[in-house]
Amino acid sequence: MLVEVKVDRVTLDTASNRFVVILKDEQNRRWLPIVVGSTEAQAIALQLERIKPPRPLTHDLMKNLLDSIEVRVSRVVVNDLRENTYYALIGLKVNGSHTEIDARPSDAIALALRTDSPIFVEEEVMRKASVSDKDTEVMESPEELAPMDKLERLNMELEKAVNEERYEDAARIRDEINALKKEREKERPAEGEDE
């Protein structure tokens, strides 16, 4: 299943000193941080700000070439995440037929913004790597807090990382939280068992 996203912003992750583009799933209130190179970050940021450079950048050139041969970008899909590397496809419509080409997500996003094409992310990729409001919620009830000090601390760290726009840290902490929750689920006795 595909989830439509918008480019929320491009930011500098101060912890790693790398640029991150943030894709936002407004319906489910999730954010997908993708690390991008400085050139691609600049290309995306310029287009978000509607700043036209004096000479065409690479992504402007790509758009101009596609326009000149009457090829339309129908959509961009961030379709996979393997070994911390994102993959994307650019959907093209040519003379009534459709084709998809492999691309880096940063290039695909920069091109989608220039062609006003929709951007999607596979649900599986969102499940693996997005940060949501739910991830930043801290448990409320005192009986839950006592045995889960580590989980509470991780939730607070996650919320702080998201607020400070340290998205790589947030993703790492989210993974730690998920692993801890799974571990605790395994430790709980099944219903009806003696403790």
Protein backbone atom coordinates (compact mmCIF):
# COMPACT_ATOMS: atom_id res chain seq x y z
CA MET A 1 0.00 0.00 0.00
CA LEU A 2 1.26 3.47 -0.87
CA VAL A 3 1.12 6.42 1.52
CA GLU A 4 1.07 9.90 0.02
CA VAL A 5 3.55 12.27 1.64
CA LYS A 6 4.59 15.90 1.32
CA VAL A 7 8.06 17.31 1.69
CA ASP A 8 7.87 18.97 5.09
CA ARG A 9 11.34 20.52 5.11
CA VAL A 10 15.05 20.05 4.63
CA THR A 11 17.13 20.41 7.77
CA LEU A 12 20.64 19.89 9.05
CA ASP A 13 20.96 17.13 11.63
CA THR A 14 23.39 18.85 13.99
CA ALA A 15 24.38 15.58 15.69
CA SER A 16 25.69 14.03 12.47
CA ASN A 17 26.24 17.24 10.47
CA ARG A 18 24.25 15.76 7.57
CA PHE A 19 21.23 17.05 5.69
CA VAL A 20 17.88 15.34 6.15
CA VAL A 21 14.75 15.70 4.06
CA ILE A 22 11.58 15.14 6.08
CA LEU A 23 8.60 13.52 4.33
CA LYS A 24 5.33 13.94 6.20
CA ASP A 25 2.34 11.60 6.16
CA GLU A 26 -0.28 14.09 7.29
CA GLN A 27 -3.07 11.53 7.59
CA ASN A 28 -1.27 9.32 10.14
CA ARG A 29 0.99 12.04 11.58
CA ARG A 30 4.24 10.27 10.72
CA TRP A 31 7.54 11.70 9.52
CA LEU A 32 10.10 9.88 7.41
CA PRO A 33 13.63 11.30 7.69
CA ILE A 34 15.93 10.56 4.75
CA VAL A 35 19.59 11.60 4.78
CA VAL A 36 20.56 13.37 1.55
CA GLY A 37 23.71 14.92 0.13
CA SER A 38 24.31 18.65 0.35
CA THR A 39 23.75 19.20 -3.39
CA GLU A 40 20.41 17.38 -3.31
CA ALA A 41 19.43 19.17 -0.09
CA GLN A 42 20.10 22.47 -1.83
CA ALA A 43 18.08 21.43 -4.91
CA ILE A 44 15.12 20.40 -2.75
CA ALA A 45 15.31 23.48 -0.50
CA LEU A 46 15.52 25.89 -3.45
CA GLN A 47 12.41 24.36 -4.99
CA LEU A 48 10.52 24.40 -1.67
CA GLU A 49 11.31 28.11 -1.38
CA ARG A 50 10.45 28.64 -5.07
CA ILE A 51 13.88 30.17 -5.69
CA LYS A 52 14.92 30.00 -9.32
CA PRO A 53 18.68 29.77 -9.84
CA PRO A 54 20.20 31.88 -12.63
CA ARG A 55 21.22 28.74 -14.53
CA PRO A 56 19.44 25.35 -14.47
CA LEU A 57 20.57 22.89 -11.81
CA THR A 58 20.75 19.18 -12.65
CA HIS A 59 17.13 18.54 -11.63
CA ASP A 60 15.93 21.55 -13.63
CA LEU A 61 17.81 20.13 -16.62
CA MET A 62 16.13 16.73 -16.10
CA LYS A 63 12.71 18.40 -16.02
CA ASN A 64 13.49 20.44 -19.15
CA LEU A 65 14.68 17.34 -21.02
CA LEU A 66 11.53 15.39 -20.05
CA ASP A 67 9.32 18.32 -21.08
CA SER A 68 11.08 18.64 -24.45
CA ILE A 69 10.36 15.00 -25.33
CA GLU A 70 6.86 15.14 -23.84
CA VAL A 71 7.44 12.70 -21.00
CA ARG A 72 5.47 13.35 -17.83
CA VAL A 73 6.50 12.36 -14.30
CA SER A 74 3.37 10.65 -12.95
CA ARG A 75 4.63 9.96 -9.43
CA VAL A 76 7.61 9.21 -7.24
CA VAL A 77 7.63 6.25 -4.83
CA VAL A 78 10.12 5.61 -2.04
CA ASN A 79 9.69 1.88 -2.36
CA ASP A 80 12.34 0.14 -0.28
CA LEU A 81 14.75 0.40 2.63
CA ARG A 82 17.64 -2.07 2.72
CA GLU A 83 20.70 -1.85 4.96
CA ASN A 84 19.89 1.78 5.85
CA THR A 85 19.65 2.77 2.18
CA TYR A 86 16.41 4.05 0.69
CA TYR A 87 15.34 3.24 -2.86
CA ALA A 88 12.89 5.06 -5.11
CA LEU A 89 11.12 4.76 -8.42
CA ILE A 90 10.15 7.56 -10.77
CA GLY A 91 6.95 6.82 -12.66
CA LEU A 92 6.97 8.16 -16.21
CA LYS A 93 4.13 8.48 -18.67
CA VAL A 94 5.26 8.29 -22.30
CA ASN A 95 2.79 8.28 -25.21
CA GLY A 96 0.07 6.74 -23.06
CA SER A 97 2.25 4.00 -21.58
CA HIS A 98 3.79 3.90 -18.11
CA THR A 99 7.28 2.96 -17.06
CA GLU A 100 9.27 3.24 -13.84
CA ILE A 101 12.95 3.95 -13.42
CA ASP A 102 15.21 3.40 -10.42
CA ALA A 103 16.44 6.54 -8.66
CA ARG A 104 17.91 7.81 -5.45
CA PRO A 105 15.11 9.23 -3.30
CA SER A 106 16.81 12.63 -3.12
CA ASP A 107 16.89 12.95 -6.93
CA ALA A 108 13.35 11.60 -7.26
CA ILE A 109 12.04 14.08 -4.67
CA ALA A 110 13.85 17.03 -6.27
CA LEU A 111 12.36 16.09 -9.65
CA ALA A 112 8.87 15.52 -8.21
CA LEU A 113 8.89 19.00 -6.69
CA ARG A 114 9.84 20.54 -10.03
CA THR A 115 7.13 18.65 -11.92
CA ASP A 116 4.42 18.99 -9.24
CA SER A 117 4.19 15.20 -9.09
CA PRO A 118 2.83 13.31 -6.08
CA ILE A 119 5.29 11.59 -3.74
CA PHE A 120 4.45 8.26 -2.12
CA VAL A 121 6.15 5.92 0.34
CA GLU A 122 5.47 2.20 0.62
CA GLU A 123 3.67 1.45 3.91
CA GLU A 124 6.32 -1.14 4.80
CA VAL A 125 9.03 1.55 4.56
CA MET A 126 6.94 3.87 6.75
CA ARG A 127 6.51 1.09 9.32
CA LYS A 128 10.25 0.41 9.39
CA ALA A 129 11.58 3.95 9.51
CA SER A 130 9.03 6.66 10.27
CA VAL A 131 8.75 8.59 13.50
CA SER A 132 5.21 9.26 14.72
CA ASP A 133 3.44 11.17 17.46
CA LYS A 134 2.78 7.78 19.11
CA ASP A 135 6.52 7.17 19.31
CA THR A 136 6.98 10.34 21.35
CA GLU A 137 4.16 9.69 23.85
CA VAL A 138 5.34 9.08 27.39
CA MET A 139 3.35 6.62 29.45
CA GLU A 140 1.03 8.23 31.99
CA SER A 141 -0.02 5.80 34.71
CA PRO A 142 2.31 5.41 37.75
CA GLU A 143 1.96 1.62 37.81
CA GLU A 144 3.33 1.49 34.26
CA LEU A 145 6.19 3.89 34.99
CA ALA A 146 7.75 2.04 37.88
CA PRO A 147 8.87 -1.11 36.02
CA MET A 148 9.57 0.75 32.78
CA ASP A 149 12.08 3.42 33.71
CA LYS A 150 14.23 2.66 30.66
CA LEU A 151 11.25 2.88 28.31
CA GLU A 152 10.17 6.17 29.85
CA ARG A 153 13.68 7.57 29.48
CA LEU A 154 13.85 6.44 25.84
CA ASN A 155 10.46 8.03 25.11
CA MET A 156 11.64 11.31 26.60
CA GLU A 157 14.88 11.13 24.59
CA LEU A 158 12.86 10.43 21.44
CA GLU A 159 10.60 13.41 22.01
CA LYS A 160 13.61 15.64 22.62
CA ALA A 161 15.38 14.39 19.48
CA VAL A 162 12.28 15.05 17.34
CA ASN A 163 11.84 18.54 18.85
CA GLU A 164 15.50 19.32 18.19
CA GLU A 165 15.19 17.93 14.63
CA ARG A 166 17.84 15.25 15.24
CA TYR A 167 16.03 12.74 13.08
CA GLU A 168 18.76 10.12 12.79
CA ASP A 169 18.95 9.98 16.58
CA ALA A 170 15.14 9.82 16.73
CA ALA A 171 15.08 6.86 14.34
CA ARG A 172 17.75 5.05 16.37
CA ILE A 173 15.87 5.67 19.63
CA ARG A 174 12.59 4.56 18.03
CA ASP A 175 14.25 1.28 17.03
CA GLU A 176 15.54 0.86 20.60
CA ILE A 177 12.02 1.46 21.98
CA ASN A 178 10.50 -1.07 19.60
CA ALA A 179 13.12 -3.68 20.51
CA LEU A 180 12.54 -3.07 24.24
CA LYS A 181 8.77 -3.38 23.82
CA LYS A 182 9.18 -6.68 21.95
CA GLU A 183 11.54 -7.96 24.64
CA ARG A 184 9.06 -7.08 27.37
CA GLU A 185 6.19 -8.69 25.47
CA LYS A 186 8.18 -11.95 25.40
CA GLU A 187 8.89 -11.68 29.14
CA ARG A 188 5.23 -11.25 30.10
CA PRO A 189 3.52 -14.51 31.12
CA ALA A 190 0.73 -15.56 28.82
CA GLU A 191 -2.77 -14.92 30.15
CA GLY A 192 -3.76 -17.64 32.59
CA GLU A 193 -0.15 -18.63 33.42
CA ASP A 194 1.23 -18.29 36.93
CA GLU A 195 3.81 -15.61 37.39
